[in-house]
Amino acid sequence: MARHVIPEVNGPLNDYRESREFVVEHRDYFERAGQAIMSKTMENDRAKATLKEEANGAPAIHPHSSHLPEADPAQPVPSAGE
């Protein structure tokens, strides 16, 4: 129990909370950055081919968005080599 209480008392979680709040409030910055990265990546034929090479047909780079459904916990997590 102390491992949960002591951080609250000592305050090191405040920085994490502030960081999370910034990300939540400024999500558009991160989405635009992701779009810019993907746009630049798609200009390169080798990078496009790499993104499409996933064996299971899923994209190689998964988007990080709260708008997507959660992963099914019953399904195994693929390793980087799959």
PDB file of N, CA and C in Angstrom:
ATOM      1  N   MET A   1       0.813  -1.180   0.000  1.00  0.00           N
ATOM      2  CA  MET A   1       0.000   0.000   0.000  1.00  0.00           C
ATOM      3  C   MET A   1       0.866   1.257   0.000  1.00  0.00           C
ATOM      4  N   ALA A   2       1.997   1.204   0.676  1.00  0.00           N
ATOM      5  CA  ALA A   2       2.861   2.378   0.763  1.00  0.00           C
ATOM      6  C   ALA A   2       3.358   2.821  -0.610  1.00  0.00           C
ATOM      7  N   ARG A   3       3.563   1.875  -1.508  1.00  0.00           N
ATOM      8  CA  ARG A   3       4.060   2.257  -2.830  1.00  0.00           C
ATOM      9  C   ARG A   3       3.052   3.116  -3.581  1.00  0.00           C
ATOM     10  N   HIS A   4       1.788   3.066  -3.187  1.00  0.00           N
ATOM     11  CA  HIS A   4       0.761   3.891  -3.806  1.00  0.00           C
ATOM     12  C   HIS A   4       0.568   5.207  -3.056  1.00  0.00           C
ATOM     13  N   VAL A   5       0.759   5.183  -1.761  1.00  0.00           N
ATOM     14  CA  VAL A   5       0.504   6.360  -0.927  1.00  0.00           C
ATOM     15  C   VAL A   5       1.694   7.318  -0.925  1.00  0.00           C
ATOM     16  N   ILE A   6       2.900   6.790  -0.773  1.00  0.00           N
ATOM     17  CA  ILE A   6       4.097   7.626  -0.652  1.00  0.00           C
ATOM     18  C   ILE A   6       4.272   8.560  -1.859  1.00  0.00           C
ATOM     19  N   PRO A   7       4.128   8.090  -3.097  1.00  0.00           N
ATOM     20  CA  PRO A   7       4.243   9.035  -4.220  1.00  0.00           C
ATOM     21  C   PRO A   7       3.222  10.173  -4.152  1.00  0.00           C
ATOM     22  N   GLU A   8       2.042   9.895  -3.650  1.00  0.00           N
ATOM     23  CA  GLU A   8       1.037  10.956  -3.496  1.00  0.00           C
ATOM     24  C   GLU A   8       1.490  11.974  -2.457  1.00  0.00           C
ATOM     25  N   VAL A   9       2.077  11.499  -1.383  1.00  0.00           N
ATOM     26  CA  VAL A   9       2.517  12.387  -0.309  1.00  0.00           C
ATOM     27  C   VAL A   9       3.735  13.194  -0.741  1.00  0.00           C
ATOM     28  N   ASN A  10       4.713  12.532  -1.377  1.00  0.00           N
ATOM     29  CA  ASN A  10       5.958  13.190  -1.765  1.00  0.00           C
ATOM     30  C   ASN A  10       5.822  14.043  -3.016  1.00  0.00           C
ATOM     31  N   GLY A  11       4.814  13.805  -3.834  1.00  0.00           N
ATOM     32  CA  GLY A  11       4.527  14.657  -4.974  1.00  0.00           C
ATOM     33  C   GLY A  11       5.186  14.349  -6.304  1.00  0.00           C
ATOM     34  N   PRO A  12       5.923  13.250  -6.500  1.00  0.00           N
ATOM     35  CA  PRO A  12       6.548  13.043  -7.817  1.00  0.00           C
ATOM     36  C   PRO A  12       5.538  12.760  -8.936  1.00  0.00           C
ATOM     37  N   LEU A  13       4.321  12.454  -8.586  1.00  0.00           N
ATOM     38  CA  LEU A  13       3.320  12.184  -9.612  1.00  0.00           C
ATOM     39  C   LEU A  13       2.768  13.458 -10.232  1.00  0.00           C
ATOM     40  N   ASN A  14       3.003  14.601  -9.589  1.00  0.00           N
ATOM     41  CA  ASN A  14       2.484  15.866 -10.108  1.00  0.00           C
ATOM     42  C   ASN A  14       3.019  16.174 -11.501  1.00  0.00           C
ATOM     43  N   ASP A  15       4.319  15.926 -11.733  1.00  0.00           N
ATOM     44  CA  ASP A  15       4.901  16.177 -13.050  1.00  0.00           C
ATOM     45  C   ASP A  15       4.248  15.308 -14.116  1.00  0.00           C
ATOM     46  N   TYR A  16       3.987  14.047 -13.784  1.00  0.00           N
ATOM     47  CA  TYR A  16       3.324  13.156 -14.732  1.00  0.00           C
ATOM     48  C   TYR A  16       1.918  13.652 -15.046  1.00  0.00           C
ATOM     49  N   ARG A  17       1.225  14.090 -14.028  1.00  0.00           N
ATOM     50  CA  ARG A  17      -0.143  14.588 -14.229  1.00  0.00           C
ATOM     51  C   ARG A  17      -0.142  15.851 -15.084  1.00  0.00           C
ATOM     52  N   GLU A  18       0.804  16.749 -14.831  1.00  0.00           N
ATOM     53  CA  GLU A  18       0.900  17.971 -15.629  1.00  0.00           C
ATOM     54  C   GLU A  18       1.220  17.642 -17.080  1.00  0.00           C
ATOM     55  N   SER A  19       2.126  16.712 -17.284  1.00  0.00           N
ATOM     56  CA  SER A  19       2.490  16.308 -18.640  1.00  0.00           C
ATOM     57  C   SER A  19       1.298  15.705 -19.362  1.00  0.00           C
ATOM     58  N   ARG A  20       0.578  14.831 -18.685  1.00  0.00           N
ATOM     59  CA  ARG A  20      -0.598  14.217 -19.279  1.00  0.00           C
ATOM     60  C   ARG A  20      -1.645  15.267 -19.623  1.00  0.00           C
ATOM     61  N   GLU A  21      -1.845  16.207 -18.726  1.00  0.00           N
ATOM     62  CA  GLU A  21      -2.820  17.273 -18.961  1.00  0.00           C
ATOM     63  C   GLU A  21      -2.440  18.104 -20.189  1.00  0.00           C
ATOM     64  N   PHE A  22      -1.136  18.395 -20.340  1.00  0.00           N
ATOM     65  CA  PHE A  22      -0.682  19.137 -21.511  1.00  0.00           C
ATOM     66  C   PHE A  22      -0.995  18.370 -22.784  1.00  0.00           C
ATOM     67  N   VAL A  23      -0.704  17.079 -22.778  1.00  0.00           N
ATOM     68  CA  VAL A  23      -0.956  16.256 -23.961  1.00  0.00           C
ATOM     69  C   VAL A  23      -2.446  16.217 -24.278  1.00  0.00           C
ATOM     70  N   VAL A  24      -3.272  16.079 -23.267  1.00  0.00           N
ATOM     71  CA  VAL A  24      -4.719  16.032 -23.480  1.00  0.00           C
ATOM     72  C   VAL A  24      -5.209  17.362 -24.054  1.00  0.00           C
ATOM     73  N   GLU A  25      -4.751  18.459 -23.483  1.00  0.00           N
ATOM     74  CA  GLU A  25      -5.207  19.778 -23.912  1.00  0.00           C
ATOM     75  C   GLU A  25      -4.657  20.189 -25.274  1.00  0.00           C
ATOM     76  N   HIS A  26      -3.504  19.656 -25.655  1.00  0.00           N
ATOM     77  CA  HIS A  26      -2.853  20.054 -26.906  1.00  0.00           C
ATOM     78  C   HIS A  26      -2.697  18.876 -27.854  1.00  0.00           C
ATOM     79  N   ARG A  27      -3.662  18.005 -27.851  1.00  0.00           N
ATOM     80  CA  ARG A  27      -3.600  16.801 -28.671  1.00  0.00           C
ATOM     81  C   ARG A  27      -3.412  17.126 -30.152  1.00  0.00           C
ATOM     82  N   ASP A  28      -3.958  18.242 -30.600  1.00  0.00           N
ATOM     83  CA  ASP A  28      -3.841  18.612 -32.008  1.00  0.00           C
ATOM     84  C   ASP A  28      -2.378  18.796 -32.426  1.00  0.00           C
ATOM     85  N   TYR A  29      -1.500  19.250 -31.525  1.00  0.00           N
ATOM     86  CA  TYR A  29      -0.078  19.368 -31.859  1.00  0.00           C
ATOM     87  C   TYR A  29       0.499  18.009 -32.227  1.00  0.00           C
ATOM     88  N   PHE A  30       0.163  17.028 -31.420  1.00  0.00           N
ATOM     89  CA  PHE A  30       0.713  15.688 -31.617  1.00  0.00           C
ATOM     90  C   PHE A  30       0.113  15.019 -32.853  1.00  0.00           C
ATOM     91  N   GLU A  31      -1.160  15.259 -33.097  1.00  0.00           N
ATOM     92  CA  GLU A  31      -1.795  14.685 -34.286  1.00  0.00           C
ATOM     93  C   GLU A  31      -1.203  15.290 -35.552  1.00  0.00           C
ATOM     94  N   ARG A  32      -0.971  16.615 -35.551  1.00  0.00           N
ATOM     95  CA  ARG A  32      -0.364  17.254 -36.726  1.00  0.00           C
ATOM     96  C   ARG A  32       1.056  16.757 -36.943  1.00  0.00           C
ATOM     97  N   ALA A  33       1.797  16.559 -35.868  1.00  0.00           N
ATOM     98  CA  ALA A  33       3.158  16.041 -35.994  1.00  0.00           C
ATOM     99  C   ALA A  33       3.139  14.639 -36.590  1.00  0.00           C
ATOM    100  N   GLY A  34       2.216  13.802 -36.126  1.00  0.00           N
ATOM    101  CA  GLY A  34       2.094  12.449 -36.678  1.00  0.00           C
ATOM    102  C   GLY A  34       1.721  12.466 -38.149  1.00  0.00           C
ATOM    103  N   GLN A  35       0.832  13.371 -38.520  1.00  0.00           N
ATOM    104  CA  GLN A  35       0.442  13.495 -39.922  1.00  0.00           C
ATOM    105  C   GLN A  35       1.623  13.941 -40.779  1.00  0.00           C
ATOM    106  N   ALA A  36       2.415  14.874 -40.264  1.00  0.00           N
ATOM    107  CA  ALA A  36       3.587  15.341 -41.005  1.00  0.00           C
ATOM    108  C   ALA A  36       4.605  14.220 -41.192  1.00  0.00           C
ATOM    109  N   ILE A  37       4.811  13.423 -40.160  1.00  0.00           N
ATOM    110  CA  ILE A  37       5.748  12.295 -40.252  1.00  0.00           C
ATOM    111  C   ILE A  37       5.267  11.291 -41.286  1.00  0.00           C
ATOM    112  N   MET A  38       3.975  10.940 -41.228  1.00  0.00           N
ATOM    113  CA  MET A  38       3.451   9.968 -42.186  1.00  0.00           C
ATOM    114  C   MET A  38       3.468  10.517 -43.603  1.00  0.00           C
ATOM    115  N   SER A  39       3.192  11.796 -43.769  1.00  0.00           N
ATOM    116  CA  SER A  39       3.230  12.407 -45.097  1.00  0.00           C
ATOM    117  C   SER A  39       4.640  12.306 -45.689  1.00  0.00           C
ATOM    118  N   LYS A  40       5.627  12.651 -44.890  1.00  0.00           N
ATOM    119  CA  LYS A  40       7.019  12.571 -45.346  1.00  0.00           C
ATOM    120  C   LYS A  40       7.412  11.122 -45.615  1.00  0.00           C
ATOM    121  N   THR A  41       6.977  10.207 -44.766  1.00  0.00           N
ATOM    122  CA  THR A  41       7.281   8.794 -44.948  1.00  0.00           C
ATOM    123  C   THR A  41       6.692   8.283 -46.253  1.00  0.00           C
ATOM    124  N   MET A  42       5.468   8.687 -46.562  1.00  0.00           N
ATOM    125  CA  MET A  42       4.795   8.195 -47.759  1.00  0.00           C
ATOM    126  C   MET A  42       5.398   8.754 -49.051  1.00  0.00           C
ATOM    127  N   GLU A  43       6.254   9.748 -48.949  1.00  0.00           N
ATOM    128  CA  GLU A  43       6.963  10.261 -50.126  1.00  0.00           C
ATOM    129  C   GLU A  43       8.100   9.327 -50.539  1.00  0.00           C
ATOM    130  N   ASN A  44       8.504   8.435 -49.657  1.00  0.00           N
ATOM    131  CA  ASN A  44       9.612   7.533 -49.911  1.00  0.00           C
ATOM    132  C   ASN A  44       9.067   6.149 -50.257  1.00  0.00           C
ATOM    133  N   ASP A  45       9.393   5.657 -51.456  1.00  0.00           N
ATOM    134  CA  ASP A  45       8.861   4.370 -51.909  1.00  0.00           C
ATOM    135  C   ASP A  45       9.278   3.209 -51.017  1.00  0.00           C
ATOM    136  N   ARG A  46      10.519   3.216 -50.549  1.00  0.00           N
ATOM    137  CA  ARG A  46      10.976   2.126 -49.679  1.00  0.00           C
ATOM    138  C   ARG A  46      10.237   2.142 -48.354  1.00  0.00           C
ATOM    139  N   ALA A  47      10.002   3.323 -47.819  1.00  0.00           N
ATOM    140  CA  ALA A  47       9.285   3.426 -46.546  1.00  0.00           C
ATOM    141  C   ALA A  47       7.839   2.967 -46.714  1.00  0.00           C
ATOM    142  N   LYS A  48       7.213   3.329 -47.832  1.00  0.00           N
ATOM    143  CA  LYS A  48       5.834   2.883 -48.096  1.00  0.00           C
ATOM    144  C   LYS A  48       5.775   1.371 -48.160  1.00  0.00           C
ATOM    145  N   ALA A  49       6.737   0.774 -48.855  1.00  0.00           N
ATOM    146  CA  ALA A  49       6.761  -0.680 -48.991  1.00  0.00           C
ATOM    147  C   ALA A  49       6.941  -1.343 -47.627  1.00  0.00           C
ATOM    148  N   THR A  50       7.792  -0.765 -46.797  1.00  0.00           N
ATOM    149  CA  THR A  50       8.025  -1.325 -45.471  1.00  0.00           C
ATOM    150  C   THR A  50       6.752  -1.289 -44.633  1.00  0.00           C
ATOM    151  N   LEU A  51       6.005  -0.210 -44.727  1.00  0.00           N
ATOM    152  CA  LEU A  51       4.766  -0.092 -43.961  1.00  0.00           C
ATOM    153  C   LEU A  51       3.743  -1.149 -44.368  1.00  0.00           C
ATOM    154  N   LYS A  52       3.811  -1.599 -45.610  1.00  0.00           N
ATOM    155  CA  LYS A  52       2.835  -2.564 -46.118  1.00  0.00           C
ATOM    156  C   LYS A  52       3.276  -4.012 -45.941  1.00  0.00           C
ATOM    157  N   GLU A  53       4.461  -4.251 -45.403  1.00  0.00           N
ATOM    158  CA  GLU A  53       5.025  -5.598 -45.345  1.00  0.00           C
ATOM    159  C   GLU A  53       4.613  -6.409 -44.124  1.00  0.00           C
ATOM    160  N   GLU A  54       3.717  -5.929 -43.337  1.00  0.00           N
ATOM    161  CA  GLU A  54       3.297  -6.705 -42.172  1.00  0.00           C
ATOM    162  C   GLU A  54       2.674  -8.023 -42.625  1.00  0.00           C
ATOM    163  N   ALA A  55       3.122  -9.091 -42.025  1.00  0.00           N
ATOM    164  CA  ALA A  55       2.656 -10.419 -42.420  1.00  0.00           C
ATOM    165  C   ALA A  55       1.167 -10.618 -42.170  1.00  0.00           C
ATOM    166  N   ASN A  56       0.632 -10.028 -41.121  1.00  0.00           N
ATOM    167  CA  ASN A  56      -0.771 -10.238 -40.793  1.00  0.00           C
ATOM    168  C   ASN A  56      -1.688  -9.211 -41.436  1.00  0.00           C
ATOM    169  N   GLY A  57      -1.154  -8.338 -42.260  1.00  0.00           N
ATOM    170  CA  GLY A  57      -1.970  -7.360 -42.955  1.00  0.00           C
ATOM    171  C   GLY A  57      -2.246  -6.105 -42.154  1.00  0.00           C
ATOM    172  N   ALA A  58      -1.810  -6.066 -40.904  1.00  0.00           N
ATOM    173  CA  ALA A  58      -2.001  -4.873 -40.087  1.00  0.00           C
ATOM    174  C   ALA A  58      -0.919  -3.859 -40.436  1.00  0.00           C
ATOM    175  N   PRO A  59      -1.183  -2.591 -40.256  1.00  0.00           N
ATOM    176  CA  PRO A  59      -0.149  -1.600 -40.550  1.00  0.00           C
ATOM    177  C   PRO A  59       1.049  -1.779 -39.619  1.00  0.00           C
ATOM    178  N   ALA A  60       2.235  -1.478 -40.132  1.00  0.00           N
ATOM    179  CA  ALA A  60       3.450  -1.631 -39.338  1.00  0.00           C
ATOM    180  C   ALA A  60       3.519  -0.600 -38.220  1.00  0.00           C
ATOM    181  N   ILE A  61       2.991   0.586 -38.471  1.00  0.00           N
ATOM    182  CA  ILE A  61       2.974   1.624 -37.461  1.00  0.00           C
ATOM    183  C   ILE A  61       1.530   1.844 -37.054  1.00  0.00           C
ATOM    184  N   HIS A  62       1.224   1.529 -35.816  1.00  0.00           N
ATOM    185  CA  HIS A  62      -0.142   1.660 -35.340  1.00  0.00           C
ATOM    186  C   HIS A  62      -0.387   3.080 -34.849  1.00  0.00           C
ATOM    187  N   PRO A  63      -1.476   3.677 -35.237  1.00  0.00           N
ATOM    188  CA  PRO A  63      -1.773   5.033 -34.757  1.00  0.00           C
ATOM    189  C   PRO A  63      -2.063   5.022 -33.261  1.00  0.00           C
ATOM    190  N   HIS A  64      -1.728   6.119 -32.628  1.00  0.00           N
ATOM    191  CA  HIS A  64      -1.985   6.261 -31.200  1.00  0.00           C
ATOM    192  C   HIS A  64      -3.133   7.246 -31.041  1.00  0.00           C
ATOM    193  N   SER A  65      -4.316   6.719 -30.949  1.00  0.00           N
ATOM    194  CA  SER A  65      -5.465   7.598 -30.853  1.00  0.00           C
ATOM    195  C   SER A  65      -6.497   7.000 -29.929  1.00  0.00           C
ATOM    196  N   SER A  66      -7.107   7.846 -29.142  1.00  0.00           N
ATOM    197  CA  SER A  66      -8.165   7.374 -28.258  1.00  0.00           C
ATOM    198  C   SER A  66      -9.438   7.100 -29.049  1.00  0.00           C
ATOM    199  N   HIS A  67      -9.431   7.417 -30.343  1.00  0.00           N
ATOM    200  CA  HIS A  67     -10.607   7.192 -31.176  1.00  0.00           C
ATOM    201  C   HIS A  67     -10.660   5.771 -31.721  1.00  0.00           C
ATOM    202  N   LEU A  68      -9.614   5.010 -31.467  1.00  0.00           N
ATOM    203  CA  LEU A  68      -9.558   3.647 -31.974  1.00  0.00           C
ATOM    204  C   LEU A  68     -10.030   2.678 -30.900  1.00  0.00           C
ATOM    205  N   PRO A  69     -10.585   1.539 -31.311  1.00  0.00           N
ATOM    206  CA  PRO A  69     -10.996   0.568 -30.299  1.00  0.00           C
ATOM    207  C   PRO A  69      -9.786  -0.002 -29.583  1.00  0.00           C
ATOM    208  N   GLU A  70      -9.994  -0.395 -28.356  1.00  0.00           N
ATOM    209  CA  GLU A  70      -8.924  -1.009 -27.578  1.00  0.00           C
ATOM    210  C   GLU A  70      -8.579  -2.374 -28.163  1.00  0.00           C
ATOM    211  N   ALA A  71      -7.344  -2.782 -27.980  1.00  0.00           N
ATOM    212  CA  ALA A  71      -6.911  -4.100 -28.430  1.00  0.00           C
ATOM    213  C   ALA A  71      -7.648  -5.177 -27.647  1.00  0.00           C
ATOM    214  N   ASP A  72      -7.892  -6.290 -28.304  1.00  0.00           N
ATOM    215  CA  ASP A  72      -8.562  -7.406 -27.657  1.00  0.00           C
ATOM    216  C   ASP A  72      -7.559  -8.107 -26.755  1.00  0.00           C
ATOM    217  N   PRO A  73      -7.754  -8.085 -25.431  1.00  0.00           N
ATOM    218  CA  PRO A  73      -6.780  -8.707 -24.524  1.00  0.00           C
ATOM    219  C   PRO A  73      -6.664 -10.209 -24.714  1.00  0.00           C
ATOM    220  N   ALA A  74      -7.644 -10.831 -25.371  1.00  0.00           N
ATOM    221  CA  ALA A  74      -7.572 -12.262 -25.597  1.00  0.00           C
ATOM    222  C   ALA A  74      -6.612 -12.600 -26.734  1.00  0.00           C
ATOM    223  N   GLN A  75      -6.297 -11.618 -27.572  1.00  0.00           N
ATOM    224  CA  GLN A  75      -5.396 -11.855 -28.706  1.00  0.00           C
ATOM    225  C   GLN A  75      -3.951 -11.660 -28.255  1.00  0.00           C
ATOM    226  N   PRO A  76      -3.041 -12.506 -28.735  1.00  0.00           N
ATOM    227  CA  PRO A  76      -1.637 -12.336 -28.385  1.00  0.00           C
ATOM    228  C   PRO A  76      -1.075 -11.064 -29.025  1.00  0.00           C
ATOM    229  N   VAL A  77      -0.126 -10.440 -28.355  1.00  0.00           N
ATOM    230  CA  VAL A  77       0.526  -9.250 -28.880  1.00  0.00           C
ATOM    231  C   VAL A  77       1.631  -9.719 -29.813  1.00  0.00           C
ATOM    232  N   PRO A  78       1.637  -9.252 -31.079  1.00  0.00           N
ATOM    233  CA  PRO A  78       2.687  -9.685 -32.008  1.00  0.00           C
ATOM    234  C   PRO A  78       4.028  -9.107 -31.621  1.00  0.00           C
ATOM    235  N   SER A  79       5.076  -9.870 -31.838  1.00  0.00           N
ATOM    236  CA  SER A  79       6.420  -9.361 -31.572  1.00  0.00           C
ATOM    237  C   SER A  79       6.859  -8.515 -32.747  1.00  0.00           C
ATOM    238  N   ALA A  80       7.949  -7.792 -32.583  1.00  0.00           N
ATOM    239  CA  ALA A  80       8.441  -6.881 -33.623  1.00  0.00           C
ATOM    240  C   ALA A  80       8.820  -7.640 -34.901  1.00  0.00           C
ATOM    241  N   GLY A  81       9.205  -8.901 -34.784  1.00  0.00           N
ATOM    242  CA  GLY A  81       9.622  -9.669 -35.942  1.00  0.00           C
ATOM    243  C   GLY A  81       8.492 -10.326 -36.697  1.00  0.00           C
ATOM    244  N   GLU A  82       7.287 -10.226 -36.198  1.00  0.00           N
ATOM    245  CA  GLU A  82       6.159 -10.893 -36.864  1.00  0.00           C
ATOM    246  C   GLU A  82       5.557 -10.029 -37.930  1.00  0.00           C
TER     247      GLU A  82
END
